[in-house]
Amino acid sequence: MARNKLGDRAQYWLRRPAYLARWSRFRHLTMVKRPSYADNLYLADHAVRAAGLADGCVIECGTWAGGMSFGLMSTLRQIKEFHFFDSFEGLPPATEEDGERALKAQELGILKHDGNTAAYETFAANAERFRAPDQQVSVHRGWFQDTLPGFEPKRPIAVLRLDGDWYESTFVALTHLYDHVAHGGIILIDDYFHWEGCSRAVHDFLSSRKGLERIGESRHGLAYMIRHTQPPSTAGLAEKEKATFAAVREAAPCVEPPPTVMPRRREPR
């Protein structure tokens, strides 16, 4: 197991320059900070490789201007189907489930970029510009409660990224997409540690479904879950599934590696 952990950490540092290069390329189109951006790409990349999900699809709910969307497209070249959901009108009204801080932030108008508003036409044009020739990209414009019911991807979901901020947006996305996530697929939850409503929606949903998933945290504070369609005991699983649980659980770990093996690099402020 120690050897596997070292291998995962080594892969993180080996691939990290490529992830950061994509942040530099798309930084004007994302609000995700540089370290967390790299964590998003690494976790998605590692999960797809470890679970053998190249025939799956990627779905992002809450794209803003597309900086993370295009980073995922550039990183996961083996994935052929991408779906991006956003209202392109900013965030919906926060509710009591989102907590006082969210209600106050929206009331005072202090949320960035006019409440996360982005231009649909610009996003669609950039998606076409940055996709690989064999990648199919669909942009679903509208509120999640209008666009997600009845939607069904043609392929199992390999990577589901949730960036809806509020309780209702997160809960609706999980309600309609969770069952389509492949065994070993990953769910990235951007706002879990930032907005009360997001974390509450995740807990309420898992509780209502008696979900087996646990919340993991990457090196720089990104929450994620590995989808289990069966109990996550590795006792009777195939070797590839064992590797999936072991490898992705260690992806971008919070625990620092020994300095003599893999020193942590200081991030610029």
Protein backbone atom coordinates (compact mmCIF):
# COMPACT_ATOMS: atom_id res chain seq x y z
CA MET A 1 0.00 0.00 0.00
CA ALA A 2 2.85 2.41 0.79
CA ARG A 3 4.22 1.89 -2.69
CA ASN A 4 0.82 2.70 -4.22
CA LYS A 5 0.57 5.86 -2.13
CA LEU A 6 4.00 6.99 -3.26
CA GLY A 7 3.04 6.27 -6.85
CA ASP A 8 -0.11 8.37 -6.56
CA ARG A 9 1.76 11.29 -5.07
CA ALA A 10 4.47 11.01 -7.69
CA GLN A 11 1.84 11.03 -10.45
CA TYR A 12 0.27 14.14 -8.92
CA TRP A 13 3.54 16.05 -9.04
CA LEU A 14 4.47 14.72 -12.47
CA ARG A 15 1.19 15.84 -14.03
CA ARG A 16 0.74 19.01 -12.00
CA PRO A 17 2.70 21.27 -14.41
CA ALA A 18 0.25 20.35 -17.19
CA TYR A 19 -2.73 21.10 -14.95
CA LEU A 20 -1.26 24.46 -13.94
CA ALA A 21 -0.55 25.29 -17.56
CA ARG A 22 -4.25 24.85 -18.26
CA TRP A 23 -5.09 27.14 -15.35
CA SER A 24 -2.80 29.77 -16.87
CA ARG A 25 -4.52 29.37 -20.21
CA PHE A 26 -8.07 29.57 -18.86
CA ARG A 27 -7.59 31.63 -15.69
CA HIS A 28 -9.55 34.58 -17.10
CA LEU A 29 -12.55 32.27 -17.47
CA THR A 30 -12.64 30.72 -13.98
CA MET A 31 -13.02 31.82 -10.37
CA VAL A 32 -11.27 28.67 -9.12
CA LYS A 33 -7.91 29.40 -7.53
CA ARG A 34 -4.74 27.91 -9.01
CA PRO A 35 -4.12 25.13 -6.42
CA SER A 36 -7.74 23.97 -6.35
CA TYR A 37 -7.90 24.07 -10.16
CA ALA A 38 -5.02 21.59 -10.31
CA ASP A 39 -6.77 19.39 -7.74
CA ASN A 40 -9.95 19.33 -9.85
CA LEU A 41 -8.06 18.20 -12.94
CA TYR A 42 -5.95 15.66 -11.07
CA LEU A 43 -8.89 14.04 -9.30
CA ALA A 44 -10.88 13.81 -12.54
CA ASP A 45 -7.90 12.53 -14.52
CA HIS A 46 -6.91 9.99 -11.86
CA ALA A 47 -10.46 8.68 -11.39
CA VAL A 48 -10.99 8.13 -15.12
CA ARG A 49 -7.67 6.30 -15.45
CA ALA A 50 -7.98 4.26 -12.25
CA ALA A 51 -11.54 3.08 -12.87
CA GLY A 52 -11.15 2.62 -16.61
CA LEU A 53 -13.94 5.07 -17.47
CA ALA A 54 -12.71 6.40 -20.81
CA ASP A 55 -16.02 5.37 -22.36
CA GLY A 56 -17.97 7.53 -19.91
CA CYS A 57 -19.00 11.17 -20.09
CA VAL A 58 -18.28 14.35 -18.14
CA ILE A 59 -21.01 16.60 -16.75
CA GLU A 60 -20.52 19.97 -15.08
CA CYS A 61 -23.39 21.76 -13.37
CA GLY A 62 -22.47 25.40 -12.93
CA THR A 63 -19.88 26.48 -15.47
CA TRP A 64 -19.75 30.26 -15.23
CA ALA A 65 -17.47 31.37 -18.11
CA GLY A 66 -16.05 27.90 -18.71
CA GLY A 67 -12.51 27.96 -17.37
CA MET A 68 -12.93 24.66 -15.54
CA SER A 69 -15.04 23.18 -18.33
CA PHE A 70 -12.32 23.76 -20.91
CA GLY A 71 -9.64 22.50 -18.54
CA LEU A 72 -11.55 19.23 -18.15
CA MET A 73 -11.98 18.94 -21.92
CA SER A 74 -8.27 19.51 -22.48
CA THR A 75 -7.22 17.07 -19.75
CA LEU A 76 -9.67 14.26 -20.50
CA ARG A 77 -9.03 13.85 -24.21
CA GLN A 78 -10.11 10.21 -23.99
CA ILE A 79 -13.63 11.29 -22.99
CA LYS A 80 -15.85 11.89 -26.01
CA GLU A 81 -19.06 13.27 -24.48
CA PHE A 82 -19.36 16.44 -22.39
CA HIS A 83 -22.47 18.14 -21.02
CA PHE A 84 -22.41 21.60 -19.46
CA PHE A 85 -25.36 23.02 -17.51
CA ASP A 86 -25.74 26.65 -16.48
CA SER A 87 -28.43 29.33 -16.39
CA PHE A 88 -25.95 31.95 -17.69
CA GLU A 89 -28.13 34.36 -15.69
CA GLY A 90 -26.25 34.11 -12.42
CA LEU A 91 -27.31 32.35 -9.24
CA PRO A 92 -30.96 31.79 -8.28
CA PRO A 93 -32.19 33.35 -5.02
CA ALA A 94 -30.66 31.80 -1.91
CA THR A 95 -33.08 30.19 0.55
CA GLU A 96 -33.13 29.55 4.29
CA GLU A 97 -31.33 26.24 3.71
CA ASP A 98 -28.34 28.22 2.41
CA GLY A 99 -27.82 30.02 5.70
CA GLU A 100 -27.57 33.61 6.80
CA ARG A 101 -24.19 34.27 5.16
CA ALA A 102 -25.46 33.32 1.70
CA LEU A 103 -28.67 35.31 2.12
CA LYS A 104 -26.70 38.36 3.25
CA ALA A 105 -24.15 38.08 0.45
CA GLN A 106 -26.88 37.99 -2.17
CA GLU A 107 -28.85 40.78 -0.52
CA LEU A 108 -25.81 43.05 -0.45
CA GLY A 109 -24.84 42.16 -4.02
CA ILE A 110 -21.29 41.23 -3.08
CA LEU A 111 -21.13 38.00 -5.09
CA LYS A 112 -18.54 38.20 -7.84
CA HIS A 113 -19.25 38.89 -11.50
CA ASP A 114 -22.81 40.11 -11.06
CA GLY A 115 -23.83 37.01 -9.12
CA ASN A 116 -21.90 34.58 -11.39
CA THR A 117 -23.47 35.78 -14.62
CA ALA A 118 -21.79 34.74 -17.89
CA ALA A 119 -22.54 35.08 -21.60
CA TYR A 120 -24.02 31.94 -23.14
CA GLU A 121 -22.89 32.81 -26.66
CA THR A 122 -19.29 33.30 -25.56
CA PHE A 123 -19.27 30.04 -23.61
CA ALA A 124 -20.72 28.07 -26.54
CA ALA A 125 -18.21 29.57 -28.96
CA ASN A 126 -15.28 28.78 -26.66
CA ALA A 127 -16.54 25.22 -26.10
CA GLU A 128 -16.50 24.69 -29.85
CA ARG A 129 -13.09 26.31 -30.11
CA PHE A 130 -11.39 24.26 -27.38
CA ARG A 131 -12.93 20.82 -27.96
CA ALA A 132 -10.99 18.07 -29.69
CA PRO A 133 -12.34 17.04 -33.12
CA ASP A 134 -13.76 13.78 -31.73
CA GLN A 135 -15.31 15.34 -28.62
CA GLN A 136 -19.04 16.09 -28.56
CA VAL A 137 -20.07 19.05 -26.40
CA SER A 138 -23.63 19.92 -25.41
CA VAL A 139 -24.48 23.15 -23.58
CA HIS A 140 -27.76 23.11 -21.63
CA ARG A 141 -28.97 26.63 -20.91
CA GLY A 142 -31.43 27.23 -18.09
CA TRP A 143 -32.09 26.57 -14.40
CA PHE A 144 -31.22 23.08 -13.22
CA GLN A 145 -34.80 22.31 -12.19
CA ASP A 146 -35.84 22.96 -15.82
CA THR A 147 -32.98 21.34 -17.74
CA LEU A 148 -32.09 18.27 -15.65
CA PRO A 149 -35.48 16.46 -15.32
CA GLY A 150 -35.77 14.07 -18.23
CA PHE A 151 -32.10 14.41 -19.19
CA GLU A 152 -30.28 11.11 -19.55
CA PRO A 153 -26.69 10.85 -20.79
CA LYS A 154 -25.93 8.25 -23.44
CA ARG A 155 -22.89 7.09 -21.48
CA PRO A 156 -22.31 6.50 -17.76
CA ILE A 157 -20.98 9.59 -15.99
CA ALA A 158 -17.26 9.28 -15.30
CA VAL A 159 -16.89 12.77 -13.79
CA LEU A 160 -19.69 14.86 -12.32
CA ARG A 161 -18.65 18.32 -11.18
CA LEU A 162 -21.10 20.33 -9.07
CA ASP A 163 -20.63 24.09 -8.81
CA GLY A 164 -24.13 25.34 -8.10
CA ASP A 165 -23.32 27.05 -4.79
CA TRP A 166 -26.78 26.81 -3.21
CA TYR A 167 -28.78 24.04 -1.55
CA GLU A 168 -31.47 23.62 -4.18
CA SER A 169 -29.07 23.66 -7.12
CA THR A 170 -26.88 20.99 -5.53
CA PHE A 171 -29.79 18.82 -4.40
CA VAL A 172 -31.50 18.96 -7.81
CA ALA A 173 -28.29 18.03 -9.62
CA LEU A 174 -27.67 15.05 -7.34
CA THR A 175 -31.29 13.93 -7.59
CA HIS A 176 -31.21 13.71 -11.37
CA LEU A 177 -27.60 12.68 -12.04
CA TYR A 178 -26.37 10.58 -9.12
CA ASP A 179 -27.82 7.32 -10.46
CA HIS A 180 -26.06 7.87 -13.79
CA VAL A 181 -22.58 8.09 -12.23
CA ALA A 182 -20.56 4.96 -13.01
CA HIS A 183 -19.17 2.69 -10.33
CA GLY A 184 -15.82 4.24 -9.47
CA GLY A 185 -16.85 7.55 -11.05
CA ILE A 186 -16.08 10.75 -9.18
CA ILE A 187 -18.29 13.60 -8.00
CA LEU A 188 -16.43 16.88 -7.45
CA ILE A 189 -18.22 19.34 -5.14
CA ASP A 190 -16.80 22.83 -5.53
CA ASP A 191 -18.70 24.64 -2.77
CA TYR A 192 -18.91 21.95 -0.08
CA PHE A 193 -16.49 23.70 2.27
CA HIS A 194 -17.59 27.22 1.31
CA TRP A 195 -21.38 27.43 1.33
CA GLU A 196 -23.54 25.93 4.06
CA GLY A 197 -26.37 25.11 1.66
CA CYS A 198 -24.15 23.02 -0.58
CA SER A 199 -22.83 20.81 2.22
CA ARG A 200 -26.31 20.50 3.70
CA ALA A 201 -27.71 19.39 0.32
CA VAL A 202 -25.04 16.70 -0.04
CA HIS A 203 -25.73 15.33 3.45
CA ASP A 204 -29.51 15.44 3.00
CA PHE A 205 -29.31 13.68 -0.35
CA LEU A 206 -26.99 10.91 0.83
CA SER A 207 -29.12 10.41 3.92
CA SER A 208 -32.31 10.17 1.86
CA ARG A 209 -30.70 7.57 -0.39
CA LYS A 210 -28.78 5.76 2.34
CA GLY A 211 -25.72 6.48 0.22
CA LEU A 212 -22.49 4.62 0.92
CA GLU A 213 -20.20 7.41 -0.27
CA ARG A 214 -17.89 9.33 2.03
CA ILE A 215 -16.69 12.88 1.51
CA GLY A 216 -13.01 13.13 0.66
CA GLU A 217 -10.89 16.28 0.72
CA SER A 218 -8.05 17.02 -1.68
CA ARG A 219 -4.76 18.67 -0.77
CA HIS A 220 -6.20 22.15 -1.30
CA GLY A 221 -9.69 21.68 0.09
CA LEU A 222 -11.76 20.29 -2.78
CA ALA A 223 -14.53 17.91 -1.68
CA TYR A 224 -15.20 14.78 -3.69
CA MET A 225 -17.00 11.43 -3.56
CA ILE A 226 -16.31 8.15 -5.31
CA ARG A 227 -19.58 6.59 -6.47
CA HIS A 228 -20.29 3.11 -5.13
CA THR A 229 -22.99 0.99 -6.73
CA GLN A 230 -22.17 -1.74 -4.20
CA PRO A 231 -20.73 -1.72 -0.66
CA PRO A 232 -17.20 -0.24 -0.73
CA SER A 233 -15.53 -3.25 0.88
CA THR A 234 -12.62 -4.33 -1.29
CA ALA A 235 -12.69 -7.91 -0.01
CA GLY A 236 -14.46 -9.45 -2.99
CA LEU A 237 -13.78 -6.91 -5.74
CA ALA A 238 -11.79 -7.38 -8.91
CA GLU A 239 -8.23 -6.10 -8.89
CA LYS A 240 -9.11 -3.06 -11.00
CA GLU A 241 -11.83 -2.04 -8.56
CA LYS A 242 -9.46 -2.48 -5.63
CA ALA A 243 -7.01 -0.17 -7.37
CA THR A 244 -9.78 2.37 -7.96
CA PHE A 245 -10.72 2.66 -4.28
CA ALA A 246 -7.11 2.70 -3.11
CA ALA A 247 -5.76 5.06 -5.74
CA VAL A 248 -8.46 7.72 -5.89
CA ARG A 249 -8.75 7.82 -2.09
CA GLU A 250 -5.12 8.92 -2.11
CA ALA A 251 -5.51 11.40 -4.97
CA ALA A 252 -4.04 14.81 -4.09
CA PRO A 253 -3.93 13.76 -0.41
CA CYS A 254 -4.15 16.18 2.48
CA VAL A 255 -1.48 14.32 4.42
CA GLU A 256 1.95 15.62 3.62
CA PRO A 257 4.43 13.14 2.13
CA PRO A 258 7.78 12.77 3.95
CA PRO A 259 10.08 15.61 2.88
CA THR A 260 12.72 13.18 1.70
CA VAL A 261 10.24 11.59 -0.68
CA MET A 262 7.98 14.32 -2.02
CA PRO A 263 8.21 17.79 -0.42
CA ARG A 264 5.18 20.00 -0.63
CA ARG A 265 5.70 23.06 -2.75
CA ARG A 266 4.73 26.47 -1.47
CA GLU A 267 1.95 28.08 -3.49
CA PRO A 268 2.35 31.76 -4.47
CA ARG A 269 -0.18 34.01 -2.83
